[in-house]
């Protein structure tokens, strides 16, 4: 590039100094030293100090100063600000942060002010506590949670293979949970099992969705379905770990877990959950006692399996479709 308005020697020296430019440097002190070197090299080829400075693109006064002291001077003030908070306030912030480890000054400050504590240095106090090691910073807390999730081992469960689908009843029963508000002040956890081949469903309701409750529901699924169960498909919920996974292993059932963020792979049981939500819970006046609700749930499951026409089955009920499937299977011959 030709620079107009400058003497020929200046832009010739600029071209030469640009060719001498080294690779980009991250250290500012090294960048200063490199500019000084190119400046001196340009002057050695006949440019004056001012002309060489213009060619390098740095003020001449800065180049003289950088040549004398290439290292950056510390901008740390000679007199540091002393902490203005009291030991009582320090302890109050530390105790509150330990109770709420993911909260910062935006949430802890209003809480302390509501308690009558005048605070203006919550952010500085938190920074001092982190530096002292009394509390962990939020990014570290998040990474600890992620590491904890990564450490969870599933000794029996397998990741659902891509494209895997059930071909026979009971080969891959889908199990999921649903939160139902049965009263303004009370909710329950609804367990749904759905066979995507025969379209049969089994359900149960519990106060909480725990691994023990899921394991007990698995016993009901095996007992209620009119065909043997050999495999189970679940999402990554904690209720399908621990005791539930061990129950599958003890019963010799294959347990497949969906990949993260793939609810479409659980489409069968999700559609069945919709039937439970809109055709049962939204229609009937339901009791609040689980024992009474369980009887109604079993009655509706029988209606769903034996009386309700299923669109995907051409208007047949799941029981009729299962009978048709079983009739097509040739029984093994007992003749020698």
Foldseek 3Di string as FASTA:
>chain_A
DDDPPDDPLLVVLLVVLVVVQDDDDPDQLVVLVSLLVSLVVSVVVPDDSCSSCVSSVHHSVSNVVCVVPSDDDDPDDPDDDDDPDDPVVLVVLLVVCVVVVQDACVPVVVVCVVVVDDDDCRRVSVVVCCVVVSHPDNVVVVVVVVVVVVPDDQPAEAADDPPDDDDDWQAEKEKDWDWADLDPVAIWIKIWIATPPLGAIDIAIGRDLALVVLLVVVVVVCVPDPDHHAEYEYEPDNSCGDNVSVSCVVVNHHYHYYDPPCCVVVVSRVVVVVCCVVVPSVPDNADPDRVRNRVVRVVVSCCQQQPAQDVVVVRHHSVVVVVVVVVPDDDDDPDD
